[in-house]
Amino acid sequence: MPHPVPQRPGLTEFAAAAKGLGMYPFVRMIHQARKVRNTPKLGLFDAHLSHHYCLPWDIDLWLELNNGRTLTLFDLGRIPMSIRNGTAQAAKAGGFGMAVAGASVRYRKRVTTFQKVDMWTKPLGFDDRFLYIEQSMWDQKGDCCNHILIRGAVIKNRKMVPPRDLLTMIEPEVESPALPEWVQNWIEADNTRPWPPVRD
């Protein structure tokens, strides 16, 4: 008896999977972007505060915010922040792109279904290669649930360029604040990490 030929999923199945499995949160991103359209502008190194809920498609088998989904939800802070501080508009005008090139994350407290969290997103500074952005989620008691350091690359013509190329479109004389010691330590430690990694 021949085996059935697998069928490619149609739009109905795709939509069901997107709803049930929680693919990239496009609707939530649009909502966050719209919310900041009329908010006060930020300086390049000012913090952005946003508010989010852990939804049923964000959780894992233990009924808490999935560790990988946490990284996705942090996008909901960074992109609206870039709208408020002008980097999104400058990137579009100058033909730049942005990519996450590394991250260091800590998880400390559970975030459960329908729990509200406050997210703080703050650029810490830059060097010749990367931008460094700090983000954290806080519960309504004021306790920190998780914390991430993002290393972002600026891309133009499919190649990395110095972040200053983008940032000077907003502030021509921009200078980076001094990076915190713990960030410097992470940069130095990561520079000792082999690439490509060992496979055996």
C-alpha atoms as a PDB file:
ATOM      1  CA  MET A   1       0.000   0.000   0.000  1.00  0.00           C
ATOM      2  CA  PRO A   2       1.571   3.323  -1.020  1.00  0.00           C
ATOM      3  CA  HIS A   3       2.301   5.860   1.658  1.00  0.00           C
ATOM      4  CA  PRO A   4       0.232   9.061   1.487  1.00  0.00           C
ATOM      5  CA  VAL A   5       2.021  11.985  -0.066  1.00  0.00           C
ATOM      6  CA  PRO A   6       2.492  14.781   2.476  1.00  0.00           C
ATOM      7  CA  GLN A   7       0.524  17.864   1.558  1.00  0.00           C
ATOM      8  CA  ARG A   8       1.768  21.389   2.016  1.00  0.00           C
ATOM      9  CA  PRO A   9      -0.334  23.177   4.646  1.00  0.00           C
ATOM     10  CA  GLY A  10      -2.848  25.622   3.279  1.00  0.00           C
ATOM     11  CA  LEU A  11      -3.647  29.065   4.628  1.00  0.00           C
ATOM     12  CA  THR A  12      -6.155  27.662   7.106  1.00  0.00           C
ATOM     13  CA  GLU A  13      -3.603  25.327   8.654  1.00  0.00           C
ATOM     14  CA  PHE A  14      -0.961  28.052   8.619  1.00  0.00           C
ATOM     15  CA  ALA A  15      -3.291  30.498  10.390  1.00  0.00           C
ATOM     16  CA  ALA A  16      -4.208  27.874  12.969  1.00  0.00           C
ATOM     17  CA  ALA A  17      -0.537  27.157  13.617  1.00  0.00           C
ATOM     18  CA  ALA A  18       0.279  30.836  13.897  1.00  0.00           C
ATOM     19  CA  LYS A  19      -2.524  31.345  16.393  1.00  0.00           C
ATOM     20  CA  GLY A  20      -1.936  28.213  18.380  1.00  0.00           C
ATOM     21  CA  LEU A  21       1.847  28.128  18.432  1.00  0.00           C
ATOM     22  CA  GLY A  22       2.428  31.833  18.740  1.00  0.00           C
ATOM     23  CA  MET A  23       4.583  32.808  15.791  1.00  0.00           C
ATOM     24  CA  TYR A  24       6.222  36.226  15.636  1.00  0.00           C
ATOM     25  CA  PRO A  25       3.961  38.759  17.396  1.00  0.00           C
ATOM     26  CA  PHE A  26       3.328  41.069  14.437  1.00  0.00           C
ATOM     27  CA  VAL A  27       0.020  42.377  15.792  1.00  0.00           C
ATOM     28  CA  ARG A  28       1.539  43.203  19.158  1.00  0.00           C
ATOM     29  CA  MET A  29       4.463  44.920  17.453  1.00  0.00           C
ATOM     30  CA  ILE A  30       2.135  47.091  15.362  1.00  0.00           C
ATOM     31  CA  HIS A  31       0.205  47.946  18.525  1.00  0.00           C
ATOM     32  CA  GLN A  32       3.382  48.983  20.362  1.00  0.00           C
ATOM     33  CA  ALA A  33       4.613  51.000  17.378  1.00  0.00           C
ATOM     34  CA  ARG A  34       1.310  52.856  17.139  1.00  0.00           C
ATOM     35  CA  LYS A  35       1.331  53.603  20.852  1.00  0.00           C
ATOM     36  CA  VAL A  36       4.598  55.543  20.599  1.00  0.00           C
ATOM     37  CA  ARG A  37       3.665  57.684  17.573  1.00  0.00           C
ATOM     38  CA  ASN A  38       2.612  60.639  19.724  1.00  0.00           C
ATOM     39  CA  THR A  39       4.826  60.073  22.752  1.00  0.00           C
ATOM     40  CA  PRO A  40       7.712  62.420  23.591  1.00  0.00           C
ATOM     41  CA  LYS A  41      10.911  61.840  21.623  1.00  0.00           C
ATOM     42  CA  LEU A  42      13.829  60.171  23.345  1.00  0.00           C
ATOM     43  CA  GLY A  43      17.499  60.986  23.286  1.00  0.00           C
ATOM     44  CA  LEU A  44      19.748  58.304  21.834  1.00  0.00           C
ATOM     45  CA  PHE A  45      20.598  56.919  25.275  1.00  0.00           C
ATOM     46  CA  ASP A  46      17.294  57.471  27.078  1.00  0.00           C
ATOM     47  CA  ALA A  47      15.228  54.570  28.431  1.00  0.00           C
ATOM     48  CA  HIS A  48      11.909  53.459  26.941  1.00  0.00           C
ATOM     49  CA  LEU A  49       9.205  51.982  29.192  1.00  0.00           C
ATOM     50  CA  SER A  50       6.540  49.662  27.771  1.00  0.00           C
ATOM     51  CA  HIS A  51       3.938  47.331  29.273  1.00  0.00           C
ATOM     52  CA  HIS A  52       3.159  43.780  28.175  1.00  0.00           C
ATOM     53  CA  TYR A  53       1.177  40.693  29.117  1.00  0.00           C
ATOM     54  CA  CYS A  54       2.269  37.074  29.022  1.00  0.00           C
ATOM     55  CA  LEU A  55      -0.328  35.489  26.729  1.00  0.00           C
ATOM     56  CA  PRO A  56      -1.248  31.782  26.485  1.00  0.00           C
ATOM     57  CA  TRP A  57       0.853  31.300  23.334  1.00  0.00           C
ATOM     58  CA  ASP A  58       3.921  32.699  25.137  1.00  0.00           C
ATOM     59  CA  ILE A  59       4.087  29.908  27.703  1.00  0.00           C
ATOM     60  CA  ASP A  60       5.867  26.568  27.806  1.00  0.00           C
ATOM     61  CA  LEU A  61       5.032  23.168  29.319  1.00  0.00           C
ATOM     62  CA  TRP A  62       5.513  24.609  32.801  1.00  0.00           C
ATOM     63  CA  LEU A  63       2.878  27.303  32.178  1.00  0.00           C
ATOM     64  CA  GLU A  64       5.346  30.161  32.332  1.00  0.00           C
ATOM     65  CA  LEU A  65       6.912  32.513  29.811  1.00  0.00           C
ATOM     66  CA  ASN A  66       9.141  30.429  27.571  1.00  0.00           C
ATOM     67  CA  ASN A  67      12.816  31.382  27.680  1.00  0.00           C
ATOM     68  CA  GLY A  68      13.039  31.713  23.888  1.00  0.00           C
ATOM     69  CA  ARG A  69       9.798  33.658  23.691  1.00  0.00           C
ATOM     70  CA  THR A  70      11.264  36.094  26.214  1.00  0.00           C
ATOM     71  CA  LEU A  71      13.859  37.079  23.620  1.00  0.00           C
ATOM     72  CA  THR A  72      11.123  37.610  21.022  1.00  0.00           C
ATOM     73  CA  LEU A  73       9.091  39.798  23.368  1.00  0.00           C
ATOM     74  CA  PHE A  74      12.117  41.998  23.977  1.00  0.00           C
ATOM     75  CA  ASP A  75      11.722  43.060  20.331  1.00  0.00           C
ATOM     76  CA  LEU A  76       8.493  44.745  21.471  1.00  0.00           C
ATOM     77  CA  GLY A  77      10.657  47.137  23.478  1.00  0.00           C
ATOM     78  CA  ARG A  78      13.566  47.730  21.129  1.00  0.00           C
ATOM     79  CA  ILE A  79      11.691  48.575  17.938  1.00  0.00           C
ATOM     80  CA  PRO A  80       9.292  51.132  19.500  1.00  0.00           C
ATOM     81  CA  MET A  81      12.295  52.626  21.317  1.00  0.00           C
ATOM     82  CA  SER A  82      14.056  53.032  17.964  1.00  0.00           C
ATOM     83  CA  ILE A  83      11.014  54.909  16.674  1.00  0.00           C
ATOM     84  CA  ARG A  84      11.074  57.264  19.652  1.00  0.00           C
ATOM     85  CA  ASN A  85      14.809  58.009  19.506  1.00  0.00           C
ATOM     86  CA  GLY A  86      14.932  58.397  15.724  1.00  0.00           C
ATOM     87  CA  THR A  87      17.145  55.451  14.810  1.00  0.00           C
ATOM     88  CA  ALA A  88      14.356  53.669  12.940  1.00  0.00           C
ATOM     89  CA  GLN A  89      13.705  56.691  10.726  1.00  0.00           C
ATOM     90  CA  ALA A  90      17.429  57.315  10.189  1.00  0.00           C
ATOM     91  CA  ALA A  91      18.008  53.669   9.277  1.00  0.00           C
ATOM     92  CA  LYS A  92      15.248  53.815   6.690  1.00  0.00           C
ATOM     93  CA  ALA A  93      16.521  57.082   5.217  1.00  0.00           C
ATOM     94  CA  GLY A  94      20.139  55.906   5.072  1.00  0.00           C
ATOM     95  CA  GLY A  95      19.520  52.376   3.863  1.00  0.00           C
ATOM     96  CA  PHE A  96      20.741  50.767   7.084  1.00  0.00           C
ATOM     97  CA  GLY A  97      19.538  47.587   8.736  1.00  0.00           C
ATOM     98  CA  MET A  98      19.887  46.278  12.263  1.00  0.00           C
ATOM     99  CA  ALA A  99      20.634  42.764  13.460  1.00  0.00           C
ATOM    100  CA  VAL A 100      21.133  41.157  16.850  1.00  0.00           C
ATOM    101  CA  ALA A 101      24.705  39.887  16.899  1.00  0.00           C
ATOM    102  CA  GLY A 102      24.822  38.489  20.423  1.00  0.00           C
ATOM    103  CA  ALA A 103      23.067  38.435  23.768  1.00  0.00           C
ATOM    104  CA  SER A 104      23.615  37.630  27.420  1.00  0.00           C
ATOM    105  CA  VAL A 105      20.460  36.914  29.398  1.00  0.00           C
ATOM    106  CA  ARG A 106      19.515  36.173  33.002  1.00  0.00           C
ATOM    107  CA  TYR A 107      16.224  34.633  34.147  1.00  0.00           C
ATOM    108  CA  ARG A 108      15.323  35.180  37.786  1.00  0.00           C
ATOM    109  CA  LYS A 109      11.531  35.096  38.361  1.00  0.00           C
ATOM    110  CA  ARG A 110       8.703  33.218  36.669  1.00  0.00           C
ATOM    111  CA  VAL A 111       6.317  35.137  34.427  1.00  0.00           C
ATOM    112  CA  THR A 112       2.993  33.293  34.234  1.00  0.00           C
ATOM    113  CA  THR A 113      -0.035  33.440  31.938  1.00  0.00           C
ATOM    114  CA  PHE A 114      -1.767  36.840  31.803  1.00  0.00           C
ATOM    115  CA  GLN A 115       0.824  38.375  34.110  1.00  0.00           C
ATOM    116  CA  LYS A 116       1.620  42.013  33.340  1.00  0.00           C
ATOM    117  CA  VAL A 117       5.245  43.097  33.109  1.00  0.00           C
ATOM    118  CA  ASP A 118       6.931  46.450  32.705  1.00  0.00           C
ATOM    119  CA  MET A 119       9.763  46.399  30.185  1.00  0.00           C
ATOM    120  CA  TRP A 120      12.637  48.857  30.317  1.00  0.00           C
ATOM    121  CA  THR A 121      14.801  49.262  27.211  1.00  0.00           C
ATOM    122  CA  LYS A 122      17.904  51.445  27.274  1.00  0.00           C
ATOM    123  CA  PRO A 123      20.839  51.886  24.865  1.00  0.00           C
ATOM    124  CA  LEU A 124      24.045  51.852  26.900  1.00  0.00           C
ATOM    125  CA  GLY A 125      26.490  52.983  24.236  1.00  0.00           C
ATOM    126  CA  PHE A 126      28.497  51.771  21.273  1.00  0.00           C
ATOM    127  CA  ASP A 127      31.984  50.986  20.076  1.00  0.00           C
ATOM    128  CA  ASP A 128      33.522  50.599  16.628  1.00  0.00           C
ATOM    129  CA  ARG A 129      31.561  47.410  15.929  1.00  0.00           C
ATOM    130  CA  PHE A 130      28.344  47.198  17.941  1.00  0.00           C
ATOM    131  CA  LEU A 131      25.551  48.959  19.784  1.00  0.00           C
ATOM    132  CA  TYR A 132      24.821  47.727  23.316  1.00  0.00           C
ATOM    133  CA  ILE A 133      21.251  47.740  24.628  1.00  0.00           C
ATOM    134  CA  GLU A 134      20.045  46.698  28.082  1.00  0.00           C
ATOM    135  CA  GLN A 135      16.496  45.378  28.638  1.00  0.00           C
ATOM    136  CA  SER A 136      14.612  44.020  31.623  1.00  0.00           C
ATOM    137  CA  MET A 137      11.118  42.869  32.623  1.00  0.00           C
ATOM    138  CA  TRP A 138       9.662  43.746  36.037  1.00  0.00           C
ATOM    139  CA  ASP A 139       6.583  42.422  37.806  1.00  0.00           C
ATOM    140  CA  GLN A 140       3.989  44.611  39.480  1.00  0.00           C
ATOM    141  CA  LYS A 141       5.689  44.181  42.864  1.00  0.00           C
ATOM    142  CA  GLY A 142       8.792  45.850  41.465  1.00  0.00           C
ATOM    143  CA  ASP A 143      10.892  42.682  41.245  1.00  0.00           C
ATOM    144  CA  CYS A 144      13.069  42.050  38.186  1.00  0.00           C
ATOM    145  CA  CYS A 145      12.061  38.882  36.310  1.00  0.00           C
ATOM    146  CA  ASN A 146      14.780  38.812  33.665  1.00  0.00           C
ATOM    147  CA  HIS A 147      17.517  40.952  32.174  1.00  0.00           C
ATOM    148  CA  ILE A 148      19.288  40.942  28.820  1.00  0.00           C
ATOM    149  CA  LEU A 149      22.255  42.645  27.216  1.00  0.00           C
ATOM    150  CA  ILE A 150      21.914  42.882  23.437  1.00  0.00           C
ATOM    151  CA  ARG A 151      24.795  43.456  21.058  1.00  0.00           C
ATOM    152  CA  GLY A 152      23.387  44.968  17.881  1.00  0.00           C
ATOM    153  CA  ALA A 153      25.089  45.279  14.502  1.00  0.00           C
ATOM    154  CA  VAL A 154      24.395  48.019  11.960  1.00  0.00           C
ATOM    155  CA  ILE A 155      24.200  46.678   8.413  1.00  0.00           C
ATOM    156  CA  LYS A 156      24.507  48.444   5.073  1.00  0.00           C
ATOM    157  CA  ASN A 157      24.848  46.777   1.678  1.00  0.00           C
ATOM    158  CA  ARG A 158      24.840  43.432   3.486  1.00  0.00           C
ATOM    159  CA  LYS A 159      27.964  44.324   5.480  1.00  0.00           C
ATOM    160  CA  MET A 160      28.523  45.478   9.039  1.00  0.00           C
ATOM    161  CA  VAL A 161      29.387  49.152   9.375  1.00  0.00           C
ATOM    162  CA  PRO A 162      30.354  51.177  12.459  1.00  0.00           C
ATOM    163  CA  PRO A 163      27.283  52.227  14.484  1.00  0.00           C
ATOM    164  CA  ARG A 164      28.507  55.807  14.280  1.00  0.00           C
ATOM    165  CA  ASP A 165      27.598  55.815  10.558  1.00  0.00           C
ATOM    166  CA  LEU A 166      23.950  55.516  11.556  1.00  0.00           C
ATOM    167  CA  LEU A 167      23.945  57.518  14.784  1.00  0.00           C
ATOM    168  CA  THR A 168      25.584  60.608  13.271  1.00  0.00           C
ATOM    169  CA  MET A 169      22.526  60.964  11.061  1.00  0.00           C
ATOM    170  CA  ILE A 170      20.664  61.809  14.279  1.00  0.00           C
ATOM    171  CA  GLU A 171      23.410  63.521  16.283  1.00  0.00           C
ATOM    172  CA  PRO A 172      26.361  64.588  14.091  1.00  0.00           C
ATOM    173  CA  GLU A 173      28.740  64.887  17.061  1.00  0.00           C
ATOM    174  CA  VAL A 174      27.497  61.807  18.904  1.00  0.00           C
ATOM    175  CA  GLU A 175      29.791  60.170  21.433  1.00  0.00           C
ATOM    176  CA  SER A 176      29.132  56.986  23.345  1.00  0.00           C
ATOM    177  CA  PRO A 177      28.678  57.123  27.094  1.00  0.00           C
ATOM    178  CA  ALA A 178      31.240  55.070  28.982  1.00  0.00           C
ATOM    179  CA  LEU A 179      30.065  51.472  28.899  1.00  0.00           C
ATOM    180  CA  PRO A 180      29.478  49.958  32.368  1.00  0.00           C
ATOM    181  CA  GLU A 181      32.242  47.722  33.698  1.00  0.00           C
ATOM    182  CA  TRP A 182      30.069  44.594  33.476  1.00  0.00           C
ATOM    183  CA  VAL A 183      29.424  45.286  29.786  1.00  0.00           C
ATOM    184  CA  GLN A 184      33.139  45.765  29.128  1.00  0.00           C
ATOM    185  CA  ASN A 185      33.832  42.494  30.938  1.00  0.00           C
ATOM    186  CA  TRP A 186      31.310  40.679  28.745  1.00  0.00           C
ATOM    187  CA  ILE A 187      32.846  42.146  25.582  1.00  0.00           C
ATOM    188  CA  GLU A 188      36.323  41.066  26.640  1.00  0.00           C
ATOM    189  CA  ALA A 189      35.179  37.574  27.642  1.00  0.00           C
ATOM    190  CA  ASP A 190      33.266  37.103  24.401  1.00  0.00           C
ATOM    191  CA  ASN A 191      36.342  38.083  22.404  1.00  0.00           C
ATOM    192  CA  THR A 192      38.048  34.940  23.758  1.00  0.00           C
ATOM    193  CA  ARG A 193      35.237  32.691  22.510  1.00  0.00           C
ATOM    194  CA  PRO A 194      36.310  30.667  19.453  1.00  0.00           C
ATOM    195  CA  TRP A 195      34.583  31.120  16.122  1.00  0.00           C
ATOM    196  CA  PRO A 196      33.618  28.943  14.424  1.00  0.00           C
ATOM    197  CA  PRO A 197      32.839  26.735  17.424  1.00  0.00           C
ATOM    198  CA  VAL A 198      34.202  23.211  17.800  1.00  0.00           C
ATOM    199  CA  ARG A 199      31.876  20.531  16.439  1.00  0.00           C
ATOM    200  CA  ASP A 200      33.388  17.396  17.963  1.00  0.00           C
END
